[in-house]
């Protein structure tokens, strides 16, 4: 039971991080943070649409990990590790 609860928490954590990484690079706060004011070169990188897309891609990967963890909840851990 303890392992199943840990797996559910891990899945929720992956889902939360994934949704954050998908949405956050495209909101206005992303453009007005501390790091964008450090240097013009860093600002150019952080505001680049390809960089934002890469961050959102990591979010999609986290959501995929979350869903794969949810779909394996019904199976015992010994079966998954084989």
C-alpha atoms as a PDB file:
ATOM      1  CA  UNK A   1       0.000   0.000   0.000  1.00  0.00           C
ATOM      2  CA  UNK A   2       2.845   2.379   0.840  1.00  0.00           C
ATOM      3  CA  UNK A   3       4.508   1.808  -2.537  1.00  0.00           C
ATOM      4  CA  UNK A   4       1.252   2.457  -4.390  1.00  0.00           C
ATOM      5  CA  UNK A   5       0.762   5.735  -2.508  1.00  0.00           C
ATOM      6  CA  UNK A   6       4.327   6.782  -3.367  1.00  0.00           C
ATOM      7  CA  UNK A   7       3.707   5.998  -7.019  1.00  0.00           C
ATOM      8  CA  UNK A   8       0.510   8.083  -6.994  1.00  0.00           C
ATOM      9  CA  UNK A   9       2.380  11.010  -5.431  1.00  0.00           C
ATOM     10  CA  UNK A  10       5.171  10.650  -7.986  1.00  0.00           C
ATOM     11  CA  UNK A  11       2.632  10.652 -10.795  1.00  0.00           C
ATOM     12  CA  UNK A  12       0.930  13.781  -9.435  1.00  0.00           C
ATOM     13  CA  UNK A  13       4.320  15.464  -9.079  1.00  0.00           C
ATOM     14  CA  UNK A  14       5.220  14.695 -12.707  1.00  0.00           C
ATOM     15  CA  UNK A  15       1.835  15.968 -13.885  1.00  0.00           C
ATOM     16  CA  UNK A  16       2.133  19.208 -11.930  1.00  0.00           C
ATOM     17  CA  UNK A  17       5.659  19.930 -13.123  1.00  0.00           C
ATOM     18  CA  UNK A  18       4.659  19.025 -16.673  1.00  0.00           C
ATOM     19  CA  UNK A  19       1.708  21.393 -16.751  1.00  0.00           C
ATOM     20  CA  UNK A  20       3.832  24.157 -15.251  1.00  0.00           C
ATOM     21  CA  UNK A  21       6.589  23.692 -17.838  1.00  0.00           C
ATOM     22  CA  UNK A  22       4.098  23.658 -20.698  1.00  0.00           C
ATOM     23  CA  UNK A  23       2.306  26.855 -19.677  1.00  0.00           C
ATOM     24  CA  UNK A  24       4.841  29.034 -17.870  1.00  0.00           C
ATOM     25  CA  UNK A  25       7.202  29.899 -20.774  1.00  0.00           C
ATOM     26  CA  UNK A  26       4.273  31.463 -22.638  1.00  0.00           C
ATOM     27  CA  UNK A  27       2.908  33.773 -19.909  1.00  0.00           C
ATOM     28  CA  UNK A  28       3.938  37.373 -19.391  1.00  0.00           C
ATOM     29  CA  UNK A  29       5.756  36.670 -16.124  1.00  0.00           C
ATOM     30  CA  UNK A  30       8.365  34.687 -18.080  1.00  0.00           C
ATOM     31  CA  UNK A  31       9.404  37.875 -19.893  1.00  0.00           C
ATOM     32  CA  UNK A  32       9.696  39.991 -16.749  1.00  0.00           C
ATOM     33  CA  UNK A  33      11.786  37.933 -14.363  1.00  0.00           C
ATOM     34  CA  UNK A  34      15.177  38.495 -12.757  1.00  0.00           C
ATOM     35  CA  UNK A  35      17.175  36.506 -15.305  1.00  0.00           C
ATOM     36  CA  UNK A  36      15.920  38.413 -18.337  1.00  0.00           C
ATOM     37  CA  UNK A  37      17.318  41.610 -16.837  1.00  0.00           C
ATOM     38  CA  UNK A  38      20.821  40.242 -16.179  1.00  0.00           C
ATOM     39  CA  UNK A  39      22.151  40.552 -19.719  1.00  0.00           C
ATOM     40  CA  UNK A  40      20.909  41.119 -23.222  1.00  0.00           C
ATOM     41  CA  UNK A  41      22.360  37.813 -24.435  1.00  0.00           C
ATOM     42  CA  UNK A  42      20.550  35.839 -21.731  1.00  0.00           C
ATOM     43  CA  UNK A  43      17.355  37.767 -22.456  1.00  0.00           C
ATOM     44  CA  UNK A  44      17.611  36.875 -26.131  1.00  0.00           C
ATOM     45  CA  UNK A  45      17.960  33.186 -25.270  1.00  0.00           C
ATOM     46  CA  UNK A  46      15.123  33.130 -22.721  1.00  0.00           C
ATOM     47  CA  UNK A  47      12.717  34.956 -25.007  1.00  0.00           C
ATOM     48  CA  UNK A  48      13.533  32.833 -28.052  1.00  0.00           C
ATOM     49  CA  UNK A  49      10.502  30.841 -29.201  1.00  0.00           C
ATOM     50  CA  UNK A  50      12.622  27.738 -29.839  1.00  0.00           C
ATOM     51  CA  UNK A  51      13.917  27.819 -26.239  1.00  0.00           C
ATOM     52  CA  UNK A  52      10.389  28.263 -24.916  1.00  0.00           C
ATOM     53  CA  UNK A  53       9.274  25.347 -27.063  1.00  0.00           C
ATOM     54  CA  UNK A  54      12.076  23.197 -25.664  1.00  0.00           C
ATOM     55  CA  UNK A  55      10.947  23.986 -22.117  1.00  0.00           C
ATOM     56  CA  UNK A  56       7.369  23.121 -23.085  1.00  0.00           C
ATOM     57  CA  UNK A  57       8.689  19.901 -24.625  1.00  0.00           C
ATOM     58  CA  UNK A  58      10.152  18.961 -21.254  1.00  0.00           C
ATOM     59  CA  UNK A  59       6.713  19.581 -19.805  1.00  0.00           C
ATOM     60  CA  UNK A  60       5.165  17.210 -22.330  1.00  0.00           C
ATOM     61  CA  UNK A  61       7.774  14.610 -21.382  1.00  0.00           C
ATOM     62  CA  UNK A  62       6.821  15.002 -17.716  1.00  0.00           C
ATOM     63  CA  UNK A  63       3.143  14.554 -18.550  1.00  0.00           C
ATOM     64  CA  UNK A  64       3.975  11.432 -20.532  1.00  0.00           C
ATOM     65  CA  UNK A  65       5.911  10.042 -17.537  1.00  0.00           C
ATOM     66  CA  UNK A  66       2.956  10.835 -15.306  1.00  0.00           C
ATOM     67  CA  UNK A  67       0.509   9.036 -17.587  1.00  0.00           C
ATOM     68  CA  UNK A  68       2.777   6.017 -17.934  1.00  0.00           C
ATOM     69  CA  UNK A  69       3.041   5.832 -14.155  1.00  0.00           C
ATOM     70  CA  UNK A  70      -0.744   6.029 -13.802  1.00  0.00           C
ATOM     71  CA  UNK A  71      -1.265   3.231 -16.348  1.00  0.00           C
ATOM     72  CA  UNK A  72       1.159   0.956 -14.484  1.00  0.00           C
ATOM     73  CA  UNK A  73      -0.540   1.436 -11.104  1.00  0.00           C
ATOM     74  CA  UNK A  74      -2.733  -1.621 -11.557  1.00  0.00           C
ATOM     75  CA  UNK A  75       0.233  -3.936 -12.057  1.00  0.00           C
ATOM     76  CA  UNK A  76       2.494  -5.070  -9.214  1.00  0.00           C
ATOM     77  CA  UNK A  77       6.010  -3.641  -9.098  1.00  0.00           C
ATOM     78  CA  UNK A  78       7.582  -7.094  -9.511  1.00  0.00           C
ATOM     79  CA  UNK A  79       5.782  -7.478 -12.861  1.00  0.00           C
ATOM     80  CA  UNK A  80       6.874  -4.023 -14.084  1.00  0.00           C
ATOM     81  CA  UNK A  81      10.578  -4.562 -13.325  1.00  0.00           C
ATOM     82  CA  UNK A  82      10.797  -7.726 -15.462  1.00  0.00           C
END
